[in-house]
Amino acid sequence: MDIISRFDPAKAQKAHGGTILASDVLPSGLKAPFAHAWGYLNGAGEMEPHRHHKEEVYIFTKGNGSVMVDGIRYPVGPGDVAYIPPDALHSVVNGSAGELVWAAFWWDIMDR
């Protein structure tokens, strides 16, 4: 099992209709009660807007951009955590020439 996992664009795959690159966040071999993926936009662009019946958080690690949630734009940068409610239409936007990297974690809705 790997102990450390880092995002590497060279090992990532196209996701969300080819609008971003993505790869697993957690080290290989580790089982978790949630799904996960790195998200990556290099230069100006937007992740394909989508929705799902899951709860989700994005943790931004590099760059500056914004998260769109149900038509509202929220600026984000390193250290920011964005919550995506179930069924909300959402995407990530990179308005700069630099890299924007985030870790996404999503799971089935849990009783509160």
PDB file of N, CA and C in Angstrom:
ATOM      1  N   MET A   1       0.848  -1.177   0.000  1.00  0.00           N
ATOM      2  CA  MET A   1       0.000   0.000   0.000  1.00  0.00           C
ATOM      3  C   MET A   1       0.890   1.236   0.000  1.00  0.00           C
ATOM      4  N   ASP A   2       0.497   2.230  -0.795  1.00  0.00           N
ATOM      5  CA  ASP A   2       1.182   3.523  -0.754  1.00  0.00           C
ATOM      6  C   ASP A   2       0.853   4.222   0.557  1.00  0.00           C
ATOM      7  N   ILE A   3       1.778   4.995   1.067  1.00  0.00           N
ATOM      8  CA  ILE A   3       1.549   5.772   2.284  1.00  0.00           C
ATOM      9  C   ILE A   3       1.170   7.207   1.942  1.00  0.00           C
ATOM     10  N   ILE A   4       1.769   7.723   0.892  1.00  0.00           N
ATOM     11  CA  ILE A   4       1.538   9.106   0.472  1.00  0.00           C
ATOM     12  C   ILE A   4       0.914   9.101  -0.922  1.00  0.00           C
ATOM     13  N   SER A   5      -0.047   9.981  -1.141  1.00  0.00           N
ATOM     14  CA  SER A   5      -0.651  10.155  -2.454  1.00  0.00           C
ATOM     15  C   SER A   5      -0.596  11.631  -2.805  1.00  0.00           C
ATOM     16  N   ARG A   6      -0.100  11.942  -3.990  1.00  0.00           N
ATOM     17  CA  ARG A   6      -0.048  13.324  -4.467  1.00  0.00           C
ATOM     18  C   ARG A   6      -0.665  13.388  -5.852  1.00  0.00           C
ATOM     19  N   PHE A   7      -1.271  14.516  -6.177  1.00  0.00           N
ATOM     20  CA  PHE A   7      -1.828  14.656  -7.517  1.00  0.00           C
ATOM     21  C   PHE A   7      -0.699  14.794  -8.531  1.00  0.00           C
ATOM     22  N   ASP A   8      -0.788  14.035  -9.609  1.00  0.00           N
ATOM     23  CA  ASP A   8       0.176  14.084 -10.703  1.00  0.00           C
ATOM     24  C   ASP A   8      -0.605  14.163 -12.007  1.00  0.00           C
ATOM     25  N   PRO A   9      -0.584  15.322 -12.683  1.00  0.00           N
ATOM     26  CA  PRO A   9      -1.363  15.450 -13.923  1.00  0.00           C
ATOM     27  C   PRO A   9      -1.001  14.395 -14.971  1.00  0.00           C
ATOM     28  N   ALA A  10       0.233  13.938 -14.974  1.00  0.00           N
ATOM     29  CA  ALA A  10       0.662  12.944 -15.962  1.00  0.00           C
ATOM     30  C   ALA A  10      -0.020  11.590 -15.748  1.00  0.00           C
ATOM     31  N   LYS A  11      -0.515  11.319 -14.540  1.00  0.00           N
ATOM     32  CA  LYS A  11      -1.163  10.049 -14.233  1.00  0.00           C
ATOM     33  C   LYS A  11      -2.687  10.173 -14.145  1.00  0.00           C
ATOM     34  N   ALA A  12      -3.213  11.370 -14.354  1.00  0.00           N
ATOM     35  CA  ALA A  12      -4.648  11.622 -14.227  1.00  0.00           C
ATOM     36  C   ALA A  12      -5.380  11.281 -15.529  1.00  0.00           C
ATOM     37  N   GLN A  13      -6.682  11.115 -15.400  1.00  0.00           N
ATOM     38  CA  GLN A  13      -7.553  10.808 -16.538  1.00  0.00           C
ATOM     39  C   GLN A  13      -8.556  11.938 -16.732  1.00  0.00           C
ATOM     40  N   LYS A  14      -9.028  12.095 -17.968  1.00  0.00           N
ATOM     41  CA  LYS A  14     -10.086  13.074 -18.229  1.00  0.00           C
ATOM     42  C   LYS A  14     -11.367  12.635 -17.528  1.00  0.00           C
ATOM     43  N   ALA A  15     -12.088  13.611 -16.990  1.00  0.00           N
ATOM     44  CA  ALA A  15     -13.348  13.343 -16.290  1.00  0.00           C
ATOM     45  C   ALA A  15     -14.337  14.467 -16.573  1.00  0.00           C
ATOM     46  N   HIS A  16     -15.565  14.278 -16.170  1.00  0.00           N
ATOM     47  CA  HIS A  16     -16.643  15.257 -16.365  1.00  0.00           C
ATOM     48  C   HIS A  16     -16.659  15.771 -17.797  1.00  0.00           C
ATOM     49  N   GLY A  17     -16.857  14.823 -18.716  1.00  0.00           N
ATOM     50  CA  GLY A  17     -16.954  15.185 -20.123  1.00  0.00           C
ATOM     51  C   GLY A  17     -15.653  15.714 -20.697  1.00  0.00           C
ATOM     52  N   GLY A  18     -14.535  15.355 -20.087  1.00  0.00           N
ATOM     53  CA  GLY A  18     -13.233  15.802 -20.565  1.00  0.00           C
ATOM     54  C   GLY A  18     -12.874  17.218 -20.163  1.00  0.00           C
ATOM     55  N   THR A  19     -13.637  17.802 -19.236  1.00  0.00           N
ATOM     56  CA  THR A  19     -13.392  19.202 -18.857  1.00  0.00           C
ATOM     57  C   THR A  19     -12.339  19.357 -17.770  1.00  0.00           C
ATOM     58  N   ILE A  20     -12.028  18.271 -17.033  1.00  0.00           N
ATOM     59  CA  ILE A  20     -10.987  18.320 -15.996  1.00  0.00           C
ATOM     60  C   ILE A  20     -10.148  17.046 -16.075  1.00  0.00           C
ATOM     61  N   LEU A  21      -9.032  17.058 -15.361  1.00  0.00           N
ATOM     62  CA  LEU A  21      -8.280  15.837 -15.099  1.00  0.00           C
ATOM     63  C   LEU A  21      -8.596  15.405 -13.676  1.00  0.00           C
ATOM     64  N   ALA A  22      -8.628  14.091 -13.441  1.00  0.00           N
ATOM     65  CA  ALA A  22      -8.955  13.570 -12.113  1.00  0.00           C
ATOM     66  C   ALA A  22      -8.176  12.286 -11.847  1.00  0.00           C
ATOM     67  N   SER A  23      -7.935  12.027 -10.567  1.00  0.00           N
ATOM     68  CA  SER A  23      -7.315  10.775 -10.127  1.00  0.00           C
ATOM     69  C   SER A  23      -7.678  10.567  -8.665  1.00  0.00           C
ATOM     70  N   ASP A  24      -7.421   9.359  -8.156  1.00  0.00           N
ATOM     71  CA  ASP A  24      -7.743   9.065  -6.756  1.00  0.00           C
ATOM     72  C   ASP A  24      -6.952   9.960  -5.808  1.00  0.00           C
ATOM     73  N   VAL A  25      -7.587  10.354  -4.721  1.00  0.00           N
ATOM     74  CA  VAL A  25      -6.934  11.145  -3.681  1.00  0.00           C
ATOM     75  C   VAL A  25      -6.195  10.245  -2.698  1.00  0.00           C
ATOM     76  N   LEU A  26      -6.865   9.226  -2.201  1.00  0.00           N
ATOM     77  CA  LEU A  26      -6.280   8.385  -1.169  1.00  0.00           C
ATOM     78  C   LEU A  26      -5.278   7.405  -1.756  1.00  0.00           C
ATOM     79  N   PRO A  27      -4.293   7.015  -0.956  1.00  0.00           N
ATOM     80  CA  PRO A  27      -3.307   6.046  -1.435  1.00  0.00           C
ATOM     81  C   PRO A  27      -3.971   4.749  -1.905  1.00  0.00           C
ATOM     82  N   SER A  28      -3.375   4.115  -2.906  1.00  0.00           N
ATOM     83  CA  SER A  28      -3.938   2.867  -3.430  1.00  0.00           C
ATOM     84  C   SER A  28      -3.978   1.802  -2.327  1.00  0.00           C
ATOM     85  N   GLY A  29      -5.034   1.010  -2.352  1.00  0.00           N
ATOM     86  CA  GLY A  29      -5.184  -0.060  -1.372  1.00  0.00           C
ATOM     87  C   GLY A  29      -5.945   0.342  -0.126  1.00  0.00           C
ATOM     88  N   LEU A  30      -6.178   1.638   0.071  1.00  0.00           N
ATOM     89  CA  LEU A  30      -6.897   2.111   1.252  1.00  0.00           C
ATOM     90  C   LEU A  30      -8.388   2.157   0.956  1.00  0.00           C
ATOM     91  N   LYS A  31      -9.178   1.518   1.786  1.00  0.00           N
ATOM     92  CA  LYS A  31     -10.625   1.527   1.621  1.00  0.00           C
ATOM     93  C   LYS A  31     -11.211   2.624   2.499  1.00  0.00           C
ATOM     94  N   ALA A  32     -12.211   3.335   1.966  1.00  0.00           N
ATOM     95  CA  ALA A  32     -12.822   4.443   2.697  1.00  0.00           C
ATOM     96  C   ALA A  32     -14.341   4.381   2.536  1.00  0.00           C
ATOM     97  N   PRO A  33     -15.105   4.954   3.478  1.00  0.00           N
ATOM     98  CA  PRO A  33     -16.565   4.945   3.385  1.00  0.00           C
ATOM     99  C   PRO A  33     -17.108   6.073   2.508  1.00  0.00           C
ATOM    100  N   PHE A  34     -16.276   6.616   1.631  1.00  0.00           N
ATOM    101  CA  PHE A  34     -16.667   7.701   0.737  1.00  0.00           C
ATOM    102  C   PHE A  34     -15.861   7.569  -0.548  1.00  0.00           C
ATOM    103  N   ALA A  35     -16.347   8.208  -1.593  1.00  0.00           N
ATOM    104  CA  ALA A  35     -15.617   8.256  -2.860  1.00  0.00           C
ATOM    105  C   ALA A  35     -14.748   9.514  -2.863  1.00  0.00           C
ATOM    106  N   HIS A  36     -13.732   9.535  -3.732  1.00  0.00           N
ATOM    107  CA  HIS A  36     -12.788  10.653  -3.708  1.00  0.00           C
ATOM    108  C   HIS A  36     -12.101  10.807  -5.051  1.00  0.00           C
ATOM    109  N   ALA A  37     -11.697  12.031  -5.347  1.00  0.00           N
ATOM    110  CA  ALA A  37     -10.941  12.294  -6.573  1.00  0.00           C
ATOM    111  C   ALA A  37     -10.265  13.651  -6.468  1.00  0.00           C
ATOM    112  N   TRP A  38      -9.047  13.725  -7.033  1.00  0.00           N
ATOM    113  CA  TRP A  38      -8.430  15.023  -7.263  1.00  0.00           C
ATOM    114  C   TRP A  38      -9.122  15.643  -8.467  1.00  0.00           C
ATOM    115  N   GLY A  39      -9.305  16.956  -8.442  1.00  0.00           N
ATOM    116  CA  GLY A  39      -9.777  17.697  -9.605  1.00  0.00           C
ATOM    117  C   GLY A  39      -8.687  18.666 -10.026  1.00  0.00           C
ATOM    118  N   TYR A  40      -8.552  18.892 -11.338  1.00  0.00           N
ATOM    119  CA  TYR A  40      -7.446  19.700 -11.849  1.00  0.00           C
ATOM    120  C   TYR A  40      -7.885  20.451 -13.100  1.00  0.00           C
ATOM    121  N   LEU A  41      -7.699  21.749 -13.058  1.00  0.00           N
ATOM    122  CA  LEU A  41      -7.886  22.600 -14.225  1.00  0.00           C
ATOM    123  C   LEU A  41      -6.593  23.370 -14.432  1.00  0.00           C
ATOM    124  N   ASN A  42      -5.989  23.239 -15.598  1.00  0.00           N
ATOM    125  CA  ASN A  42      -4.760  23.973 -15.908  1.00  0.00           C
ATOM    126  C   ASN A  42      -5.098  25.078 -16.893  1.00  0.00           C
ATOM    127  N   GLY A  43      -5.184  26.285 -16.384  1.00  0.00           N
ATOM    128  CA  GLY A  43      -5.572  27.422 -17.209  1.00  0.00           C
ATOM    129  C   GLY A  43      -7.066  27.655 -17.133  1.00  0.00           C
ATOM    130  N   ALA A  44      -7.484  28.723 -17.787  1.00  0.00           N
ATOM    131  CA  ALA A  44      -8.889  29.114 -17.749  1.00  0.00           C
ATOM    132  C   ALA A  44      -9.777  27.996 -18.267  1.00  0.00           C
ATOM    133  N   GLY A  45     -10.846  27.729 -17.538  1.00  0.00           N
ATOM    134  CA  GLY A  45     -11.792  26.694 -17.943  1.00  0.00           C
ATOM    135  C   GLY A  45     -12.774  26.397 -16.832  1.00  0.00           C
ATOM    136  N   GLU A  46     -13.731  25.539 -17.141  1.00  0.00           N
ATOM    137  CA  GLU A  46     -14.765  25.182 -16.167  1.00  0.00           C
ATOM    138  C   GLU A  46     -15.051  23.693 -16.233  1.00  0.00           C
ATOM    139  N   MET A  47     -15.173  23.089 -15.057  1.00  0.00           N
ATOM    140  CA  MET A  47     -15.620  21.706 -14.967  1.00  0.00           C
ATOM    141  C   MET A  47     -17.061  21.642 -15.449  1.00  0.00           C
ATOM    142  N   GLU A  48     -17.403  20.577 -16.139  1.00  0.00           N
ATOM    143  CA  GLU A  48     -18.765  20.378 -16.599  1.00  0.00           C
ATOM    144  C   GLU A  48     -19.735  20.489 -15.414  1.00  0.00           C
ATOM    145  N   PRO A  49     -20.715  21.391 -15.470  1.00  0.00           N
ATOM    146  CA  PRO A  49     -21.704  21.473 -14.383  1.00  0.00           C
ATOM    147  C   PRO A  49     -22.469  20.153 -14.278  1.00  0.00           C
ATOM    148  N   HIS A  50     -22.708  19.722 -13.054  1.00  0.00           N
ATOM    149  CA  HIS A  50     -23.405  18.464 -12.832  1.00  0.00           C
ATOM    150  C   HIS A  50     -24.079  18.478 -11.471  1.00  0.00           C
ATOM    151  N   ARG A  51     -24.902  17.492 -11.232  1.00  0.00           N
ATOM    152  CA  ARG A  51     -25.561  17.328  -9.933  1.00  0.00           C
ATOM    153  C   ARG A  51     -25.683  15.844  -9.631  1.00  0.00           C
ATOM    154  N   HIS A  52     -25.763  15.517  -8.361  1.00  0.00           N
ATOM    155  CA  HIS A  52     -25.947  14.138  -7.930  1.00  0.00           C
ATOM    156  C   HIS A  52     -26.562  14.140  -6.539  1.00  0.00           C
ATOM    157  N   HIS A  53     -27.153  13.001  -6.193  1.00  0.00           N
ATOM    158  CA  HIS A  53     -27.823  12.887  -4.900  1.00  0.00           C
ATOM    159  C   HIS A  53     -26.824  12.381  -3.844  1.00  0.00           C
ATOM    160  N   LYS A  54     -25.783  13.151  -3.630  1.00  0.00           N
ATOM    161  CA  LYS A  54     -24.722  12.857  -2.659  1.00  0.00           C
ATOM    162  C   LYS A  54     -24.373  14.164  -1.953  1.00  0.00           C
ATOM    163  N   GLU A  55     -23.753  14.039  -0.781  1.00  0.00           N
ATOM    164  CA  GLU A  55     -23.127  15.201  -0.145  1.00  0.00           C
ATOM    165  C   GLU A  55     -21.673  15.206  -0.600  1.00  0.00           C
ATOM    166  N   GLU A  56     -21.088  16.403  -0.718  1.00  0.00           N
ATOM    167  CA  GLU A  56     -19.734  16.489  -1.254  1.00  0.00           C
ATOM    168  C   GLU A  56     -19.012  17.701  -0.673  1.00  0.00           C
ATOM    169  N   VAL A  57     -17.704  17.564  -0.510  1.00  0.00           N
ATOM    170  CA  VAL A  57     -16.864  18.706  -0.150  1.00  0.00           C
ATOM    171  C   VAL A  57     -15.676  18.747  -1.105  1.00  0.00           C
ATOM    172  N   TYR A  58     -15.230  19.957  -1.399  1.00  0.00           N
ATOM    173  CA  TYR A  58     -14.006  20.198  -2.168  1.00  0.00           C
ATOM    174  C   TYR A  58     -13.029  20.897  -1.232  1.00  0.00           C
ATOM    175  N   ILE A  59     -11.799  20.426  -1.198  1.00  0.00           N
ATOM    176  CA  ILE A  59     -10.737  21.072  -0.436  1.00  0.00           C
ATOM    177  C   ILE A  59      -9.703  21.557  -1.446  1.00  0.00           C
ATOM    178  N   PHE A  60      -9.542  22.867  -1.549  1.00  0.00           N
ATOM    179  CA  PHE A  60      -8.650  23.458  -2.545  1.00  0.00           C
ATOM    180  C   PHE A  60      -7.226  23.524  -2.011  1.00  0.00           C
ATOM    181  N   THR A  61      -6.285  23.093  -2.841  1.00  0.00           N
ATOM    182  CA  THR A  61      -4.888  23.009  -2.419  1.00  0.00           C
ATOM    183  C   THR A  61      -3.948  23.903  -3.212  1.00  0.00           C
ATOM    184  N   LYS A  62      -4.359  24.325  -4.415  1.00  0.00           N
ATOM    185  CA  LYS A  62      -3.467  25.135  -5.251  1.00  0.00           C
ATOM    186  C   LYS A  62      -4.289  25.992  -6.201  1.00  0.00           C
ATOM    187  N   GLY A  63      -3.877  27.251  -6.349  1.00  0.00           N
ATOM    188  CA  GLY A  63      -4.521  28.146  -7.298  1.00  0.00           C
ATOM    189  C   GLY A  63      -5.697  28.889  -6.708  1.00  0.00           C
ATOM    190  N   ASN A  64      -6.312  29.696  -7.542  1.00  0.00           N
ATOM    191  CA  ASN A  64      -7.495  30.466  -7.156  1.00  0.00           C
ATOM    192  C   ASN A  64      -8.535  30.338  -8.254  1.00  0.00           C
ATOM    193  N   GLY A  65      -9.783  30.254  -7.836  1.00  0.00           N
ATOM    194  CA  GLY A  65     -10.873  30.127  -8.794  1.00  0.00           C
ATOM    195  C   GLY A  65     -12.183  30.345  -8.089  1.00  0.00           C
ATOM    196  N   SER A  66     -13.203  29.636  -8.529  1.00  0.00           N
ATOM    197  CA  SER A  66     -14.498  29.747  -7.872  1.00  0.00           C
ATOM    198  C   SER A  66     -15.260  28.440  -8.011  1.00  0.00           C
ATOM    199  N   VAL A  67     -16.189  28.258  -7.091  1.00  0.00           N
ATOM    200  CA  VAL A  67     -17.134  27.145  -7.123  1.00  0.00           C
ATOM    201  C   VAL A  67     -18.492  27.751  -7.437  1.00  0.00           C
ATOM    202  N   MET A  68     -19.167  27.161  -8.396  1.00  0.00           N
ATOM    203  CA  MET A  68     -20.529  27.570  -8.721  1.00  0.00           C
ATOM    204  C   MET A  68     -21.475  26.550  -8.112  1.00  0.00           C
ATOM    205  N   VAL A  69     -22.413  27.016  -7.273  1.00  0.00           N
ATOM    206  CA  VAL A  69     -23.407  26.134  -6.652  1.00  0.00           C
ATOM    207  C   VAL A  69     -24.778  26.755  -6.876  1.00  0.00           C
ATOM    208  N   ASP A  70     -25.597  26.072  -7.665  1.00  0.00           N
ATOM    209  CA  ASP A  70     -26.937  26.565  -8.003  1.00  0.00           C
ATOM    210  C   ASP A  70     -26.911  28.022  -8.462  1.00  0.00           C
ATOM    211  N   GLY A  71     -25.962  28.349  -9.335  1.00  0.00           N
ATOM    212  CA  GLY A  71     -25.892  29.673  -9.954  1.00  0.00           C
ATOM    213  C   GLY A  71     -25.192  30.737  -9.130  1.00  0.00           C
ATOM    214  N   ILE A  72     -24.715  30.410  -7.932  1.00  0.00           N
ATOM    215  CA  ILE A  72     -24.008  31.382  -7.091  1.00  0.00           C
ATOM    216  C   ILE A  72     -22.521  31.064  -7.147  1.00  0.00           C
ATOM    217  N   ARG A  73     -21.717  32.094  -7.395  1.00  0.00           N
ATOM    218  CA  ARG A  73     -20.260  31.950  -7.504  1.00  0.00           C
ATOM    219  C   ARG A  73     -19.612  32.255  -6.152  1.00  0.00           C
ATOM    220  N   TYR A  74     -18.759  31.325  -5.703  1.00  0.00           N
ATOM    221  CA  TYR A  74     -18.022  31.479  -4.452  1.00  0.00           C
ATOM    222  C   TYR A  74     -16.529  31.442  -4.757  1.00  0.00           C
ATOM    223  N   PRO A  75     -15.780  32.522  -4.464  1.00  0.00           N
ATOM    224  CA  PRO A  75     -14.338  32.489  -4.711  1.00  0.00           C
ATOM    225  C   PRO A  75     -13.651  31.494  -3.777  1.00  0.00           C
ATOM    226  N   VAL A  76     -12.636  30.787  -4.298  1.00  0.00           N
ATOM    227  CA  VAL A  76     -11.911  29.796  -3.513  1.00  0.00           C
ATOM    228  C   VAL A  76     -10.415  29.869  -3.806  1.00  0.00           C
ATOM    229  N   GLY A  77      -9.637  29.418  -2.828  1.00  0.00           N
ATOM    230  CA  GLY A  77      -8.187  29.341  -2.958  1.00  0.00           C
ATOM    231  C   GLY A  77      -7.650  28.303  -1.994  1.00  0.00           C
ATOM    232  N   PRO A  78      -6.336  28.167  -1.914  1.00  0.00           N
ATOM    233  CA  PRO A  78      -5.721  27.150  -1.061  1.00  0.00           C
ATOM    234  C   PRO A  78      -6.219  27.237   0.386  1.00  0.00           C
ATOM    235  N   GLY A  79      -6.606  26.083   0.923  1.00  0.00           N
ATOM    236  CA  GLY A  79      -7.095  26.016   2.300  1.00  0.00           C
ATOM    237  C   GLY A  79      -8.596  26.158   2.416  1.00  0.00           C
ATOM    238  N   ASP A  80      -9.289  26.545   1.342  1.00  0.00           N
ATOM    239  CA  ASP A  80     -10.744  26.689   1.398  1.00  0.00           C
ATOM    240  C   ASP A  80     -11.425  25.332   1.229  1.00  0.00           C
ATOM    241  N   VAL A  81     -12.536  25.155   1.956  1.00  0.00           N
ATOM    242  CA  VAL A  81     -13.357  23.957   1.857  1.00  0.00           C
ATOM    243  C   VAL A  81     -14.746  24.394   1.417  1.00  0.00           C
ATOM    244  N   ALA A  82     -15.243  23.803   0.337  1.00  0.00           N
ATOM    245  CA  ALA A  82     -16.575  24.132  -0.177  1.00  0.00           C
ATOM    246  C   ALA A  82     -17.489  22.931   0.023  1.00  0.00           C
ATOM    247  N   TYR A  83     -18.668  23.171   0.569  1.00  0.00           N
ATOM    248  CA  TYR A  83     -19.684  22.122   0.745  1.00  0.00           C
ATOM    249  C   TYR A  83     -20.655  22.191  -0.422  1.00  0.00           C
ATOM    250  N   ILE A  84     -20.921  21.052  -1.031  1.00  0.00           N
ATOM    251  CA  ILE A  84     -21.874  20.955  -2.136  1.00  0.00           C
ATOM    252  C   ILE A  84     -23.078  20.151  -1.637  1.00  0.00           C
ATOM    253  N   PRO A  85     -24.237  20.801  -1.479  1.00  0.00           N
ATOM    254  CA  PRO A  85     -25.420  20.070  -0.994  1.00  0.00           C
ATOM    255  C   PRO A  85     -25.911  19.052  -2.019  1.00  0.00           C
ATOM    256  N   PRO A  86     -26.640  18.031  -1.564  1.00  0.00           N
ATOM    257  CA  PRO A  86     -27.207  17.048  -2.490  1.00  0.00           C
ATOM    258  C   PRO A  86     -28.096  17.728  -3.537  1.00  0.00           C
ATOM    259  N   ASP A  87     -28.011  17.250  -4.762  1.00  0.00           N
ATOM    260  CA  ASP A  87     -28.845  17.693  -5.883  1.00  0.00           C
ATOM    261  C   ASP A  87     -28.567  19.118  -6.355  1.00  0.00           C
ATOM    262  N   ALA A  88     -27.538  19.771  -5.824  1.00  0.00           N
ATOM    263  CA  ALA A  88     -27.199  21.129  -6.267  1.00  0.00           C
ATOM    264  C   ALA A  88     -26.413  21.052  -7.576  1.00  0.00           C
ATOM    265  N   LEU A  89     -26.738  21.906  -8.530  1.00  0.00           N
ATOM    266  CA  LEU A  89     -25.966  22.008  -9.763  1.00  0.00           C
ATOM    267  C   LEU A  89     -24.665  22.720  -9.406  1.00  0.00           C
ATOM    268  N   HIS A  90     -23.522  22.086  -9.717  1.00  0.00           N
ATOM    269  CA  HIS A  90     -22.253  22.662  -9.283  1.00  0.00           C
ATOM    270  C   HIS A  90     -21.143  22.427 -10.302  1.00  0.00           C
ATOM    271  N   SER A  91     -20.145  23.307 -10.229  1.00  0.00           N
ATOM    272  CA  SER A  91     -18.957  23.188 -11.066  1.00  0.00           C
ATOM    273  C   SER A  91     -17.829  23.983 -10.409  1.00  0.00           C
ATOM    274  N   VAL A  92     -16.628  23.830 -10.953  1.00  0.00           N
ATOM    275  CA  VAL A  92     -15.463  24.594 -10.513  1.00  0.00           C
ATOM    276  C   VAL A  92     -14.977  25.387 -11.716  1.00  0.00           C
ATOM    277  N   VAL A  93     -14.597  26.646 -11.478  1.00  0.00           N
ATOM    278  CA  VAL A  93     -14.143  27.529 -12.550  1.00  0.00           C
ATOM    279  C   VAL A  93     -12.747  28.043 -12.234  1.00  0.00           C
ATOM    280  N   ASN A  94     -11.856  27.916 -13.204  1.00  0.00           N
ATOM    281  CA  ASN A  94     -10.528  28.519 -13.107  1.00  0.00           C
ATOM    282  C   ASN A  94     -10.505  29.677 -14.095  1.00  0.00           C
ATOM    283  N   GLY A  95     -10.431  30.899 -13.581  1.00  0.00           N
ATOM    284  CA  GLY A  95     -10.418  32.078 -14.433  1.00  0.00           C
ATOM    285  C   GLY A  95      -9.021  32.592 -14.716  1.00  0.00           C
ATOM    286  N   SER A  96      -8.001  31.840 -14.319  1.00  0.00           N
ATOM    287  CA  SER A  96      -6.626  32.305 -14.486  1.00  0.00           C
ATOM    288  C   SER A  96      -5.852  31.375 -15.421  1.00  0.00           C
ATOM    289  N   ALA A  97      -4.624  31.747 -15.719  1.00  0.00           N
ATOM    290  CA  ALA A  97      -3.759  30.929 -16.569  1.00  0.00           C
ATOM    291  C   ALA A  97      -3.062  29.832 -15.769  1.00  0.00           C
ATOM    292  N   GLY A  98      -3.124  29.883 -14.440  1.00  0.00           N
ATOM    293  CA  GLY A  98      -2.417  28.918 -13.596  1.00  0.00           C
ATOM    294  C   GLY A  98      -3.217  27.660 -13.330  1.00  0.00           C
ATOM    295  N   GLU A  99      -2.663  26.805 -12.472  1.00  0.00           N
ATOM    296  CA  GLU A  99      -3.295  25.549 -12.093  1.00  0.00           C
ATOM    297  C   GLU A  99      -4.272  25.766 -10.935  1.00  0.00           C
ATOM    298  N   LEU A 100      -5.363  25.033 -10.962  1.00  0.00           N
ATOM    299  CA  LEU A 100      -6.311  24.981  -9.866  1.00  0.00           C
ATOM    300  C   LEU A 100      -6.480  23.508  -9.503  1.00  0.00           C
ATOM    301  N   VAL A 101      -6.190  23.160  -8.243  1.00  0.00           N
ATOM    302  CA  VAL A 101      -6.222  21.768  -7.791  1.00  0.00           C
ATOM    303  C   VAL A 101      -7.092  21.680  -6.540  1.00  0.00           C
ATOM    304  N   TRP A 102      -7.949  20.646  -6.499  1.00  0.00           N
ATOM    305  CA  TRP A 102      -8.783  20.418  -5.327  1.00  0.00           C
ATOM    306  C   TRP A 102      -8.981  18.920  -5.131  1.00  0.00           C
ATOM    307  N   ALA A 103      -9.264  18.550  -3.889  1.00  0.00           N
ATOM    308  CA  ALA A 103      -9.622  17.182  -3.547  1.00  0.00           C
ATOM    309  C   ALA A 103     -11.125  17.156  -3.288  1.00  0.00           C
ATOM    310  N   ALA A 104     -11.812  16.224  -3.929  1.00  0.00           N
ATOM    311  CA  ALA A 104     -13.261  16.088  -3.763  1.00  0.00           C
ATOM    312  C   ALA A 104     -13.561  14.796  -3.012  1.00  0.00           C
ATOM    313  N   PHE A 105     -14.497  14.880  -2.076  1.00  0.00           N
ATOM    314  CA  PHE A 105     -14.939  13.713  -1.307  1.00  0.00           C
ATOM    315  C   PHE A 105     -16.463  13.726  -1.305  1.00  0.00           C
ATOM    316  N   TRP A 106     -17.097  12.596  -1.663  1.00  0.00           N
ATOM    317  CA  TRP A 106     -18.551  12.539  -1.672  1.00  0.00           C
ATOM    318  C   TRP A 106     -19.027  11.210  -1.105  1.00  0.00           C
ATOM    319  N   TRP A 107     -20.253  11.256  -0.556  1.00  0.00           N
ATOM    320  CA  TRP A 107     -20.795  10.096   0.147  1.00  0.00           C
ATOM    321  C   TRP A 107     -22.311  10.138   0.103  1.00  0.00           C
ATOM    322  N   ASP A 108     -22.937   8.980   0.411  1.00  0.00           N
ATOM    323  CA  ASP A 108     -24.386   8.923   0.498  1.00  0.00           C
ATOM    324  C   ASP A 108     -24.865   9.819   1.622  1.00  0.00           C
ATOM    325  N   ILE A 109     -26.031  10.390   1.453  1.00  0.00           N
ATOM    326  CA  ILE A 109     -26.626  11.258   2.468  1.00  0.00           C
ATOM    327  C   ILE A 109     -26.853  10.460   3.739  1.00  0.00           C
ATOM    328  N   MET A 110     -26.425  11.032   4.861  1.00  0.00           N
ATOM    329  CA  MET A 110     -26.549  10.360   6.152  1.00  0.00           C
ATOM    330  C   MET A 110     -27.615  11.051   6.994  1.00  0.00           C
ATOM    331  N   ASP A 111     -28.331  10.274   7.811  1.00  0.00           N
ATOM    332  CA  ASP A 111     -29.303  10.866   8.728  1.00  0.00           C
ATOM    333  C   ASP A 111     -28.579  11.771   9.702  1.00  0.00           C
ATOM    334  N   ARG A 112     -29.170  12.895  10.004  1.00  0.00           N
ATOM    335  CA  ARG A 112     -28.544  13.853  10.927  1.00  0.00           C
ATOM    336  C   ARG A 112     -29.190  13.732  12.289  1.00  0.00           C
TER     337      ARG A 112
END
